[in-house]
Protein backbone atom coordinates (compact mmCIF):
# COMPACT_ATOMS: atom_id res chain seq x y z
CA MET A 1 -17.45 -9.73 13.04
CA THR A 2 -15.67 -7.90 15.88
CA ILE A 3 -11.99 -8.60 16.50
CA ILE A 4 -11.11 -5.77 18.90
CA ASN A 5 -12.34 -5.61 22.50
CA TYR A 6 -11.38 -3.93 25.76
CA ASP A 7 -9.04 -6.74 26.88
CA ILE A 8 -7.06 -6.58 23.62
CA LEU A 9 -6.99 -2.79 23.85
CA LYS A 10 -5.62 -2.90 27.40
CA ALA A 11 -3.04 -5.58 26.54
CA THR A 12 -1.76 -3.54 23.57
CA VAL A 13 -1.88 -0.07 25.14
CA PRO A 14 -0.92 -0.20 28.86
CA THR A 15 -1.99 3.41 29.48
CA ILE A 16 -5.64 2.47 28.93
CA LEU A 17 -7.91 3.22 31.90
CA PRO A 18 -8.41 0.06 34.05
CA SER A 19 -11.90 -1.39 33.96
CA ALA A 20 -14.13 -0.67 36.95
CA GLN A 21 -14.61 -3.76 39.08
CA GLY A 22 -13.58 -5.99 36.20
CA LYS A 23 -16.13 -4.49 33.79
CA PRO A 24 -14.93 -3.15 30.42
CA VAL A 25 -14.82 0.62 30.04
CA GLU A 26 -17.49 1.68 27.55
CA ARG A 27 -15.82 5.01 26.78
CA TYR A 28 -13.79 3.32 24.02
CA ASN A 29 -16.68 1.62 22.25
CA SER A 30 -17.31 4.32 19.65
CA ALA A 31 -13.58 4.59 18.89
CA MET A 32 -13.41 0.81 18.44
CA GLN A 33 -16.30 0.97 15.98
CA GLU A 34 -14.67 3.80 14.07
CA ALA A 35 -11.38 1.88 13.94
CA GLU A 36 -13.15 -1.19 12.56
CA GLN A 37 -14.91 0.92 9.92
CA TRP A 38 -11.55 2.38 8.89
CA LEU A 39 -9.99 -1.07 8.64
CA SER A 40 -12.93 -2.42 6.63
CA SER A 41 -13.01 0.48 4.15
CA ARG A 42 -9.31 1.32 3.76
CA VAL A 43 -7.29 -1.84 4.41
CA LEU A 44 -9.37 -5.04 4.31
CA ASN A 45 -13.09 -5.62 3.80
CA SER A 46 -15.86 -7.14 5.90
CA LYS A 47 -15.64 -10.60 4.33
CA LEU A 48 -11.88 -10.79 4.77
CA ILE A 49 -12.16 -9.60 8.37
CA GLU A 50 -14.79 -12.27 9.06
CA THR A 51 -12.50 -14.94 7.61
CA LEU A 52 -9.64 -13.85 9.83
CA ALA A 53 -11.92 -13.69 12.87
CA THR A 54 -13.39 -17.17 12.44
CA ASP A 55 -10.81 -19.33 10.67
CA SER A 56 -8.24 -20.73 13.13
CA ALA A 57 -5.77 -21.20 10.26
CA TYR A 58 -5.27 -17.44 10.30
CA SER A 59 -4.95 -16.90 14.04
CA ALA A 60 -1.64 -15.04 13.65
CA LEU A 61 -3.23 -12.65 11.15
CA LYS A 62 -6.21 -12.17 13.45
CA THR A 63 -3.85 -11.23 16.30
CA GLN A 64 -2.10 -8.73 14.06
CA VAL A 65 -5.39 -7.19 12.93
CA ALA A 66 -6.39 -6.80 16.59
CA LYS A 67 -3.11 -4.99 17.29
CA VAL A 68 -3.70 -2.58 14.40
CA LEU A 69 -7.21 -1.91 15.68
CA ALA A 70 -6.02 -1.34 19.24
CA TYR A 71 -3.54 1.34 18.21
CA LYS A 72 -6.07 2.92 15.86
CA THR A 73 -8.78 2.92 18.56
CA TYR A 74 -6.64 4.71 21.10
CA HIS A 75 -5.32 7.16 18.50
CA ILE A 76 -8.95 8.08 17.73
CA ALA A 77 -9.98 8.26 21.39
CA ILE A 78 -7.13 10.31 22.88
CA PRO A 79 -8.35 13.82 21.90
CA THR A 80 -11.68 13.41 23.71
CA ILE A 81 -10.87 11.07 26.59
CA ASP A 82 -10.92 13.80 29.26
CA LEU A 83 -13.63 16.00 27.73
CA VAL A 84 -17.21 16.25 28.98
CA GLU A 85 -19.98 18.54 27.77
CA SER A 86 -21.37 21.02 30.28
CA ALA A 87 -24.05 23.72 30.10
CA ASN A 88 -21.32 26.24 29.31
CA GLY A 89 -19.47 24.16 26.73
CA PHE A 90 -16.77 21.51 27.02
CA ALA A 91 -14.85 20.93 30.23
CA VAL A 92 -11.88 18.77 31.24
CA VAL A 93 -12.48 15.95 33.72
CA ASN A 94 -10.70 16.72 37.02
CA ASP A 95 -9.31 13.87 39.12
CA ASN A 96 -7.99 15.01 42.49
CA ASN A 97 -5.52 12.13 42.58
CA LEU A 98 -3.93 12.80 39.20
CA VAL A 99 -2.27 15.80 37.57
CA PRO A 100 -3.48 16.42 33.98
CA ALA A 101 -0.82 15.63 31.39
CA SER A 102 0.63 18.49 29.37
CA LYS A 103 -0.43 19.03 25.76
CA GLU A 104 3.07 17.98 24.72
CA ARG A 105 2.83 14.66 26.58
CA VAL A 106 -0.59 13.95 25.10
CA ALA A 107 0.65 14.84 21.61
CA ALA A 108 3.64 12.54 22.09
CA LEU A 109 1.33 9.72 23.19
CA ARG A 110 -0.87 10.19 20.13
CA GLU A 111 2.21 10.24 17.90
CA SER A 112 3.37 6.97 19.45
CA MET A 113 -0.03 5.45 18.65
CA LEU A 114 0.34 6.57 15.04
CA SER A 115 3.75 4.91 14.94
CA GLY A 116 2.17 1.76 16.37
CA ILE A 117 -0.49 1.82 13.63
CA ASN A 118 2.13 2.12 10.90
CA ILE A 119 4.44 -0.58 12.27
CA SER A 120 1.66 -3.08 12.96
CA LEU A 121 -0.08 -2.33 9.64
CA ASP A 122 3.20 -2.84 7.81
CA LEU A 123 3.54 -6.30 9.34
CA LEU A 124 -0.12 -7.08 8.58
CA LEU A 125 0.35 -6.27 4.89
CA GLU A 126 3.53 -8.34 4.78
CA MET A 127 1.69 -11.28 6.34
CA LEU A 128 -1.11 -10.91 3.77
CA GLU A 129 1.44 -10.98 0.96
CA ASN A 130 2.51 -14.39 2.22
CA GLU A 131 -1.02 -15.83 2.31
CA PRO A 132 -1.90 -16.46 -1.37
CA LYS A 133 -5.16 -18.21 -0.43
CA LEU A 134 -6.46 -14.86 0.85
CA HIS A 135 -5.43 -12.85 -2.20
CA GLY A 136 -8.70 -13.49 -4.04
CA GLU A 137 -10.61 -11.50 -1.42
CA TRP A 138 -7.75 -9.11 -0.66
CA GLU A 139 -7.69 -8.13 -4.34
CA LYS A 140 -11.07 -6.46 -3.82
CA THR A 141 -9.70 -4.03 -1.21
CA LEU A 142 -8.25 -0.54 -1.53
CA SER A 143 -4.96 -1.51 0.11
CA TYR A 144 -4.37 -4.25 -2.45
CA SER A 145 -5.15 -2.07 -5.46
CA LEU A 146 -2.88 0.71 -4.17
CA VAL A 147 0.07 -1.62 -3.84
CA THR A 148 -0.37 -4.06 -6.69
CA GLU A 149 -1.78 -2.15 -9.70
CA TRP A 150 1.74 -1.59 -10.92
CA TYR A 151 4.85 -3.35 -12.22
CA PHE A 152 5.66 -4.61 -8.72
CA LYS A 153 3.10 -6.48 -6.63
CA SER A 154 4.70 -5.75 -3.26
CA LEU A 155 7.47 -3.86 -1.51
CA THR A 156 9.25 -7.18 -1.03
CA GLU A 157 9.29 -7.65 -4.80
CA PHE A 158 10.60 -4.13 -5.38
CA ARG A 159 13.42 -4.62 -2.87
CA ARG A 160 14.79 -7.47 -4.99
CA ILE A 161 15.55 -4.82 -7.62
CA GLY A 162 15.88 -1.41 -5.95
CA HIS A 163 16.68 0.06 -2.55
CA PHE A 164 13.81 1.49 -0.51
CA ASP A 165 14.00 2.86 3.03
CA GLY A 166 10.77 2.72 5.00
CA ASN A 167 7.83 0.42 5.60
CA ARG A 168 4.80 -0.44 3.48
CA ILE A 169 2.97 2.70 4.54
CA ASP A 170 5.92 4.75 3.29
CA TRP A 171 5.83 2.57 0.16
CA ILE A 172 2.16 3.36 -0.48
CA ASN A 173 2.86 7.07 0.06
CA ALA A 174 5.79 6.91 -2.39
CA LEU A 175 3.83 5.14 -5.13
CA PRO A 176 2.70 8.35 -6.90
CA ARG A 177 6.35 9.34 -7.41
CA LEU A 178 7.29 5.82 -8.43
CA LYS A 179 4.37 5.62 -10.86
CA ALA A 180 5.46 8.93 -12.38
CA ILE A 181 8.53 7.07 -13.62
CA GLY A 182 6.16 4.74 -15.46
CA ILE A 183 4.36 7.61 -17.13
CA ARG A 184 7.47 9.62 -17.89
CA ASP A 185 9.78 6.88 -19.12
CA ILE A 186 8.18 3.45 -19.49
CA GLU A 187 5.28 4.70 -21.61
CA ASN A 188 7.58 6.89 -23.69
CA TRP A 189 9.76 3.93 -24.58
CA LEU A 190 7.27 1.06 -24.70
CA SER A 191 3.92 2.82 -25.32
CA ALA A 192 1.05 3.49 -22.95
CA GLU A 193 -0.87 0.50 -24.32
CA TYR A 194 1.92 -1.99 -23.75
CA ALA A 195 2.77 -0.49 -20.35
CA THR A 196 -0.84 -1.08 -19.25
CA HIS A 197 -0.63 -4.65 -20.56
CA LEU A 198 2.45 -5.30 -18.43
CA LYS A 199 0.95 -3.69 -15.33
CA MET A 200 -2.23 -5.76 -15.57
CA GLY A 201 -0.05 -8.87 -15.58
CA LYS A 202 -2.66 -11.03 -17.33
CA ASP A 203 -1.98 -13.28 -20.32
CA LEU A 204 1.69 -12.35 -20.39
CA THR A 205 3.84 -14.50 -22.67
CA ASP A 206 7.39 -15.46 -21.80
CA ASP A 207 8.54 -12.66 -24.11
CA ASP A 208 6.34 -10.16 -22.27
CA LYS A 209 7.74 -11.35 -18.95
CA SER A 210 11.25 -10.80 -20.24
CA VAL A 211 10.36 -7.18 -21.08
CA LEU A 212 8.70 -6.77 -17.69
CA LYS A 213 11.93 -7.86 -16.05
CA ASP A 214 13.80 -5.11 -17.92
CA VAL A 215 11.12 -2.59 -16.92
CA ARG A 216 11.49 -3.52 -13.26
CA TYR A 217 15.25 -3.10 -13.41
CA ALA A 218 14.76 0.28 -15.10
CA ILE A 219 12.37 1.53 -12.41
CA GLY A 220 14.62 0.31 -9.60
CA LEU A 221 17.61 2.10 -11.10
CA MET A 222 15.70 5.31 -11.78
CA TRP A 223 14.24 5.36 -8.25
CA ASN A 224 17.82 5.14 -6.99
CA ASN A 225 18.83 8.07 -9.26
CA ASP A 226 20.60 6.11 -12.00
CA ASN A 227 18.48 7.27 -14.93
CA ALA A 228 21.09 6.49 -17.59
CA ALA A 229 21.31 2.83 -16.58
CA GLY A 230 17.51 2.64 -16.39
CA ILE A 231 17.13 4.00 -19.93
CA THR A 232 19.63 1.40 -21.12
CA PHE A 233 17.29 -1.36 -19.99
CA LEU A 234 14.30 0.31 -21.70
CA ARG A 235 16.22 0.81 -24.93
CA HIS A 236 17.31 -2.82 -24.86
CA ALA A 237 13.72 -3.95 -24.32
CA ARG A 238 12.34 -1.86 -27.18
CA ASP A 239 15.07 -2.90 -29.59
CA ARG A 240 14.28 -6.54 -28.86
CA MET A 241 10.58 -5.90 -29.46
CA MET A 242 11.15 -4.00 -32.69
CA ASN A 243 13.33 -6.80 -34.04
CA ASP A 244 10.67 -9.43 -33.43
CA ILE A 245 7.49 -7.38 -33.43
CA ASP A 246 5.00 -10.19 -34.06
CA LYS A 247 5.71 -11.55 -30.58
CA TYR A 248 4.37 -8.33 -29.10
CA PRO A 249 0.93 -7.71 -30.65
CA VAL A 250 -0.12 -5.14 -28.02
CA PHE A 251 2.96 -3.03 -28.73
CA LYS A 252 2.55 -3.58 -32.48
CA SER A 253 -0.96 -2.09 -32.35
CA SER A 254 0.13 0.91 -30.27
CA GLN A 255 0.29 4.51 -31.44
CA LEU A 256 3.97 4.65 -30.51
CA TYR A 257 4.84 1.75 -32.81
CA THR A 258 2.92 3.41 -35.63
CA ARG A 259 4.90 6.63 -35.14
CA LEU A 260 8.19 4.76 -34.94
CA THR A 261 7.62 2.75 -38.10
CA THR A 262 6.28 5.79 -39.99
CA SER A 263 9.43 7.68 -39.07
CA ILE A 264 11.66 4.77 -40.06
CA ASN A 265 9.91 4.33 -43.43
CA ARG A 266 10.10 8.06 -44.13
CA ASP A 267 13.83 8.10 -43.38
CA LYS A 268 14.33 5.11 -45.69
CA SER A 269 12.44 6.89 -48.46
CA ILE A 270 14.59 9.98 -48.10
CA PHE A 271 17.76 7.85 -48.11
CA ILE A 272 16.93 6.00 -51.34
CA GLY A 273 15.52 9.08 -52.99
CA VAL A 274 11.89 7.97 -53.32
């Protein structure tokens, strides 16, 4: 289902070439198709796009998708707009009424389109976060898995705990560094097995959710360079788990718990002279 067309492209990007005698300009068709393929494979999927295109309940989301596609289309098209193939190679189209723009001006235009993609895509993802009825299909997409397969399901959720400058594209780009905190600290304190259990977010008990809350505070503090305070939350969480271990069967069956209890029992043996 197609959402982008020449009229939307022209309305979003005023520098677009006017249509000849009211007829759409076909020079952008391949770029539109490429933009739609990008959106379908990297951000949404074909079924979700079809829902947005046909269900009037999501007209605002459809408009936002069209804006993303318009910026993406022009960003793709700019490098080849004035190029034609000749017998001797590629040539630049010459219009006697217009002076060709400098490389710097063209580069600046393309950069502005990239900024438009990021800003409009950020708003699209935020709108999707607020449409729980669409999450079942959105969960099948790359954009959803990138953002949500972690202790926080959205940038909005993270900002309740920690400070983050930037939009959701910056957030996605920062996730590898944020997830490194999980590997370096969360798994060291709570075990890789239990960390995975928390990240999956399925079948969590109230006790698990309480630990998850501590984990989120720890990550927020560590991201904002307060490692000591973050470790305090992790230590508090593990102490609570160790003192009531049967409430945390995933942690109890972990290799870390085995090592911890083996060490504790060995120290007790040494102390009492066994």
